Amino acid sequence: MLSVIPLSDADRRPTEFPWATLLLIFANVVVFACELVGGDAFVLRWSAIPADIAAGHHWTTLSTAMFLHASWSHTSS
């Protein structure tokens, strides 16, 4: 057990452009801009509220909530 955590990954260099990563970054930027414009109404519409999920409503928010930000520092205010 010489090394459990690899310190480099030189033997598996990417051979293609990371389109999925670029798409996720773009989606986050777009949603953050929408948050700035839409304010609290936008956040309340697209955030996952546990009581709504438990009641069987707004299931899509399980996917959309991962793109939302609490604030500039990512902490609740």
Protein backbone atom coordinates (compact mmCIF):
# COMPACT_ATOMS: atom_id res chain seq x y z
CA MET A 1 0.00 0.00 0.00
CA LEU A 2 2.39 2.62 -1.22
CA SER A 3 -0.08 5.15 -2.57
CA VAL A 4 -3.83 5.18 -2.09
CA ILE A 5 -4.50 8.61 -3.61
CA PRO A 6 -3.02 9.14 -7.07
CA LEU A 7 -0.97 12.32 -7.26
CA SER A 8 -1.11 12.52 -11.04
CA ASP A 9 -2.97 11.04 -13.97
CA ALA A 10 -0.49 11.44 -16.82
CA ASP A 11 -1.35 8.13 -18.46
CA ARG A 12 -5.01 9.09 -19.09
CA ARG A 13 -4.87 12.45 -20.85
CA PRO A 14 -8.16 13.50 -22.48
CA THR A 15 -8.24 12.97 -26.21
CA GLU A 16 -11.41 14.96 -26.96
CA PHE A 17 -12.67 18.39 -25.99
CA PRO A 18 -14.76 18.23 -22.75
CA TRP A 19 -18.08 19.38 -24.24
CA ALA A 20 -20.15 18.17 -21.28
CA THR A 21 -18.06 20.22 -18.86
CA LEU A 22 -18.36 23.30 -21.05
CA LEU A 23 -22.14 22.80 -21.28
CA LEU A 24 -22.49 22.53 -17.48
CA ILE A 25 -20.44 25.70 -16.95
CA PHE A 26 -22.56 27.54 -19.52
CA ALA A 27 -25.79 26.31 -17.87
CA ASN A 28 -24.60 27.53 -14.48
CA VAL A 29 -23.74 30.98 -15.86
CA VAL A 30 -27.13 31.29 -17.59
CA VAL A 31 -29.07 30.21 -14.50
CA PHE A 32 -27.07 32.54 -12.27
CA ALA A 33 -27.87 35.45 -14.61
CA CYS A 34 -31.55 34.47 -14.48
CA GLU A 35 -31.36 34.46 -10.68
CA LEU A 36 -29.96 37.97 -10.66
CA VAL A 37 -32.72 39.21 -12.97
CA GLY A 38 -35.61 37.16 -11.53
CA GLY A 39 -34.79 37.53 -7.84
CA ASP A 40 -36.58 35.58 -5.14
CA ALA A 41 -39.51 34.64 -7.36
CA PHE A 42 -37.18 32.79 -9.73
CA VAL A 43 -35.41 30.99 -6.88
CA LEU A 44 -38.66 29.93 -5.20
CA ARG A 45 -40.02 28.61 -8.51
CA TRP A 46 -37.00 26.44 -9.35
CA SER A 47 -35.64 25.42 -5.92
CA ALA A 48 -36.45 22.03 -4.40
CA ILE A 49 -38.77 22.41 -1.43
CA PRO A 50 -38.88 19.14 0.53
CA ALA A 51 -42.55 19.47 1.51
CA ASP A 52 -43.56 19.88 -2.15
CA ILE A 53 -41.46 16.88 -3.20
CA ALA A 54 -42.94 14.73 -0.42
CA ALA A 55 -46.44 15.76 -1.53
CA GLY A 56 -45.63 14.66 -5.08
CA HIS A 57 -45.40 18.12 -6.62
CA HIS A 58 -42.62 19.89 -8.55
CA TRP A 59 -40.43 16.83 -9.17
CA THR A 60 -38.48 18.73 -11.83
CA THR A 61 -36.98 20.91 -9.12
CA LEU A 62 -34.83 17.95 -8.06
CA SER A 63 -32.84 18.57 -11.25
CA THR A 64 -33.11 22.34 -11.50
CA ALA A 65 -32.14 23.07 -7.89
CA MET A 66 -28.58 21.87 -8.44
CA PHE A 67 -27.94 24.88 -10.68
CA LEU A 68 -29.15 27.47 -8.17
CA HIS A 69 -26.87 29.48 -5.90
CA ALA A 70 -27.68 30.67 -2.38
CA SER A 71 -25.71 33.89 -2.77
CA TRP A 72 -22.41 35.24 -4.08
CA SER A 73 -20.50 33.32 -1.41
CA HIS A 74 -22.75 30.21 -1.74
CA THR A 75 -23.97 30.53 1.82
CA SER A 76 -27.47 31.30 2.92
CA SER A 77 -28.01 34.88 3.92
